[in-house]
N, C-alpha and C. Protein backbone atom coordinates (compact mmCIF):
# COMPACT_ATOMS: atom_id res chain seq x y z
N ASN A 1 104.66 109.05 112.19
CA ASN A 1 103.88 109.44 112.70
C ASN A 1 102.11 107.80 112.74
N ALA A 2 102.75 106.71 113.00
CA ALA A 2 101.73 105.69 113.19
C ALA A 2 100.79 105.02 112.13
N ASP A 3 100.61 106.14 110.70
CA ASP A 3 99.61 106.12 110.01
C ASP A 3 99.76 105.21 108.86
N GLY A 4 100.84 103.84 108.83
CA GLY A 4 101.19 103.40 108.05
C GLY A 4 101.41 103.36 106.32
N ILE A 5 102.02 104.57 106.69
CA ILE A 5 102.46 105.43 105.10
C ILE A 5 103.88 105.92 105.63
N ASN A 6 104.95 105.31 105.15
CA ASN A 6 106.12 106.01 105.01
C ASN A 6 106.89 106.30 106.81
N ASP A 7 105.88 105.35 107.70
CA ASP A 7 106.50 105.44 109.07
C ASP A 7 107.89 104.32 109.01
N LEU A 8 108.21 103.37 107.59
CA LEU A 8 109.71 102.84 108.31
C LEU A 8 110.54 103.08 107.21
N PHE A 9 112.11 103.25 107.75
CA PHE A 9 112.75 103.16 106.43
C PHE A 9 112.87 101.70 105.70
N VAL A 10 112.19 101.93 104.63
CA VAL A 10 112.46 100.17 103.74
C VAL A 10 112.95 99.81 102.83
N ILE A 11 113.76 99.18 102.67
CA ILE A 11 114.90 98.74 101.41
C ILE A 11 114.50 97.63 101.28
N ASP A 12 113.74 97.78 99.77
CA ASP A 12 113.32 96.78 99.13
C ASP A 12 114.57 95.87 98.62
N GLY A 13 114.21 94.32 98.64
CA GLY A 13 115.35 93.37 98.26
C GLY A 13 116.02 92.98 99.21
N LEU A 14 116.15 93.96 100.30
CA LEU A 14 117.30 93.49 101.44
C LEU A 14 117.29 92.15 101.64
N GLU A 15 116.11 91.57 102.05
CA GLU A 15 115.79 89.94 102.60
C GLU A 15 117.04 89.31 101.83
N ASN A 16 117.78 89.49 100.52
CA ASN A 16 118.19 88.46 100.00
C ASN A 16 119.48 88.68 99.86
N TYR A 17 119.57 89.97 101.09
CA TYR A 17 121.36 89.49 101.57
C TYR A 17 121.17 90.00 103.49
N PRO A 18 121.38 88.55 103.75
CA PRO A 18 121.31 88.01 105.06
C PRO A 18 122.20 88.70 105.94
N ASN A 19 123.40 88.80 105.55
CA ASN A 19 124.28 89.48 106.16
C ASN A 19 124.68 90.98 106.22
N ASN A 20 123.97 91.82 105.74
CA ASN A 20 123.37 93.01 105.94
C ASN A 20 124.22 93.83 107.01
N SER A 21 123.81 95.18 106.97
CA SER A 21 124.24 95.78 108.48
C SER A 21 124.60 97.40 107.65
N ILE A 22 123.50 97.97 108.74
CA ILE A 22 123.15 99.51 108.37
C ILE A 22 123.74 100.11 109.44
N ILE A 23 124.30 101.52 109.35
CA ILE A 23 124.66 102.54 110.43
C ILE A 23 124.03 103.59 109.84
N ILE A 24 123.30 104.71 110.99
CA ILE A 24 122.41 105.93 110.27
C ILE A 24 123.16 107.22 111.19
N PHE A 25 124.01 107.94 110.67
CA PHE A 25 124.18 109.18 110.86
C PHE A 25 122.91 110.38 111.24
N ASN A 26 123.75 111.63 112.15
CA ASN A 26 123.28 112.79 112.22
C ASN A 26 124.20 113.62 111.22
N ARG A 27 123.40 114.87 111.29
CA ARG A 27 123.99 115.76 110.43
C ARG A 27 125.59 116.33 110.75
N TRP A 28 125.76 115.43 112.30
CA TRP A 28 126.99 115.85 112.97
C TRP A 28 128.07 114.99 112.87
N GLY A 29 127.40 113.54 111.98
CA GLY A 29 128.65 112.20 112.17
C GLY A 29 128.11 111.60 113.41
N ASN A 30 127.50 111.91 114.05
CA ASN A 30 127.22 111.29 115.64
C ASN A 30 126.06 109.40 114.87
N ILE A 31 126.41 108.55 114.85
CA ILE A 31 125.67 107.28 114.58
C ILE A 31 124.25 107.60 116.09
N VAL A 32 123.26 107.67 115.09
CA VAL A 32 121.69 107.75 116.21
C VAL A 32 121.65 106.30 115.80
N TRP A 33 121.69 105.41 115.20
CA TRP A 33 120.68 103.95 114.58
C TRP A 33 121.76 103.03 114.08
N GLU A 34 121.47 102.00 114.36
CA GLU A 34 122.50 100.43 113.45
C GLU A 34 121.74 99.32 113.73
N GLY A 35 121.70 98.43 113.15
CA GLY A 35 121.38 97.62 112.88
C GLY A 35 122.11 96.28 111.87
N ALA A 36 122.20 95.47 113.04
CA ALA A 36 122.99 94.15 111.61
C ALA A 36 121.83 92.86 111.90
N PRO A 37 121.63 92.43 111.21
CA PRO A 37 121.33 92.56 110.12
C PRO A 37 120.04 93.19 110.73
N TYR A 38 120.10 94.72 109.34
CA TYR A 38 118.95 95.90 108.97
C TYR A 38 117.40 94.94 108.82
N ILE A 39 116.07 95.13 109.32
CA ILE A 39 115.11 94.36 108.65
C ILE A 39 114.16 95.77 108.51
N ASN A 40 113.98 96.83 107.90
CA ASN A 40 113.47 97.67 107.81
C ASN A 40 112.98 97.72 108.77
N ASN A 41 113.27 98.25 109.85
CA ASN A 41 112.59 97.99 110.78
C ASN A 41 113.12 99.90 111.45
N PHE A 42 113.41 100.92 110.98
CA PHE A 42 114.15 101.75 111.38
C PHE A 42 113.25 102.66 111.05
N ASP A 43 112.40 103.53 112.46
CA ASP A 43 111.13 104.37 112.58
C ASP A 43 111.62 105.82 113.05
N GLY A 44 112.98 106.16 112.94
CA GLY A 44 113.09 107.94 113.68
C GLY A 44 112.76 107.49 114.96
N THR A 45 113.41 106.41 115.67
CA THR A 45 114.04 106.48 117.07
C THR A 45 115.33 106.34 117.03
N ALA A 46 115.93 106.96 117.76
CA ALA A 46 117.22 106.58 118.39
C ALA A 46 117.70 105.01 118.89
N ASN A 47 118.64 104.43 119.00
CA ASN A 47 118.83 103.22 119.43
C ASN A 47 120.55 103.34 119.56
N LYS A 48 121.20 104.66 119.35
CA LYS A 48 122.75 104.56 119.91
C LYS A 48 122.59 106.02 120.24
N GLY A 49 123.89 106.51 120.84
CA GLY A 49 123.91 107.62 121.01
C GLY A 49 123.42 108.43 122.26
N ILE A 50 123.31 109.66 122.87
CA ILE A 50 122.73 110.22 123.93
C ILE A 50 121.74 110.97 122.94
N THR A 51 120.60 110.96 123.82
CA THR A 51 119.26 111.39 122.88
C THR A 51 119.15 112.70 124.67
N ILE A 52 118.32 113.49 124.16
CA ILE A 52 117.61 114.61 124.61
C ILE A 52 116.41 114.83 124.67
N GLY A 53 115.67 114.49 125.32
CA GLY A 53 113.81 114.29 125.70
C GLY A 53 113.40 113.40 125.10
N GLY A 54 113.41 112.50 125.07
CA GLY A 54 113.03 110.77 124.59
C GLY A 54 114.22 110.53 123.38
N ASN A 55 114.22 109.37 123.14
CA ASN A 55 114.56 108.61 122.05
C ASN A 55 113.86 109.25 120.25
N GLN A 56 112.97 110.09 120.30
CA GLN A 56 112.74 110.46 119.09
C GLN A 56 113.14 111.41 118.34
N LEU A 57 113.79 111.02 116.98
CA LEU A 57 115.36 112.14 115.93
C LEU A 57 114.40 113.17 116.25
N PRO A 58 115.09 114.29 115.75
CA PRO A 58 113.78 115.40 115.07
C PRO A 58 114.03 115.37 113.67
N SER A 59 113.38 115.76 112.84
CA SER A 59 112.88 116.17 111.45
C SER A 59 114.22 116.69 110.90
N GLY A 60 114.85 116.01 110.19
CA GLY A 60 116.14 116.78 109.48
C GLY A 60 116.82 115.15 108.63
N THR A 61 117.71 115.86 108.29
CA THR A 61 118.50 114.53 107.27
C THR A 61 119.24 114.08 108.18
N TYR A 62 119.24 112.15 108.05
CA TYR A 62 120.37 111.76 108.13
C TYR A 62 120.81 111.01 107.31
N PHE A 63 122.48 110.63 106.98
CA PHE A 63 123.05 109.85 106.19
C PHE A 63 123.23 107.99 106.57
N TYR A 64 123.32 107.41 105.83
CA TYR A 64 123.57 105.78 106.27
C TYR A 64 124.65 105.24 104.91
N ILE A 65 124.88 103.95 105.78
CA ILE A 65 125.78 103.70 105.21
C ILE A 65 125.64 102.05 105.67
N LEU A 66 124.86 101.41 104.04
CA LEU A 66 124.33 100.13 103.77
C LEU A 66 125.87 99.46 103.55
N ASP A 67 125.61 98.33 104.34
CA ASP A 67 126.93 97.20 103.75
C ASP A 67 125.61 96.07 103.72
N LEU A 68 125.72 95.64 101.99
CA LEU A 68 125.22 94.37 102.24
C LEU A 68 125.69 92.62 102.36
N GLY A 69 127.09 92.81 102.95
CA GLY A 69 127.70 91.47 103.64
C GLY A 69 127.92 90.83 102.47
N VAL A 70 128.87 91.15 101.01
CA VAL A 70 128.83 90.69 100.06
C VAL A 70 129.99 90.93 99.75
N LYS A 71 131.10 90.00 99.31
CA LYS A 71 132.82 90.51 99.29
C LYS A 71 132.91 90.96 98.20
N ASP A 72 133.80 91.78 98.15
CA ASP A 72 133.97 92.94 97.20
C ASP A 72 133.05 94.05 96.83
N MET A 73 131.99 94.07 97.17
CA MET A 73 130.96 95.25 97.35
C MET A 73 131.19 96.08 97.74
N GLU A 74 131.33 97.39 97.32
CA GLU A 74 131.43 98.30 98.11
C GLU A 74 130.04 98.99 98.89
N PRO A 75 130.14 99.26 100.17
CA PRO A 75 128.83 99.66 101.41
C PRO A 75 127.99 100.76 99.98
N ILE A 76 126.79 100.96 100.41
CA ILE A 76 125.97 101.75 99.80
C ILE A 76 125.50 103.38 100.78
N LYS A 77 125.53 104.50 100.17
CA LYS A 77 126.14 105.35 100.92
C LYS A 77 124.50 106.33 100.80
N GLY A 78 123.53 107.01 101.68
CA GLY A 78 122.39 107.76 100.94
C GLY A 78 122.57 108.54 102.22
N TYR A 79 120.89 109.11 102.11
CA TYR A 79 120.45 109.70 103.20
C TYR A 79 119.04 109.96 102.99
N ILE A 80 118.42 110.20 104.18
CA ILE A 80 117.13 109.87 104.35
C ILE A 80 116.90 111.38 105.34
N TYR A 81 115.44 111.71 104.30
CA TYR A 81 115.13 113.01 105.33
C TYR A 81 113.71 112.74 106.40
N LEU A 82 114.02 112.77 107.02
CA LEU A 82 112.82 112.72 108.54
C LEU A 82 112.23 113.82 108.88
N ALA A 83 110.94 113.58 108.55
CA ALA A 83 109.58 114.23 108.60
C ALA A 83 108.57 114.35 109.90
N ARG A 84 108.73 114.96 110.51
CA ARG A 84 107.57 114.79 111.86
C ARG A 84 106.61 115.22 111.81
């Protein structure tokens, strides 16, 4: 809502992994956002896939895979709840 509180998905310490990348999926497994390197700039707006009525993603749970770009290190998987 642009109030400066929780407006972006921020991953602390990510600047230590300059070769990182992230993919964010909706509940149907469709990619809605991706970035490489990720610079803590996901704001709930889609940059991939088909959108209806604009790029603002609806409230809901989204899943991510974060690859830190470190050899022999498994990607980190998790979820985000986007509230509008």
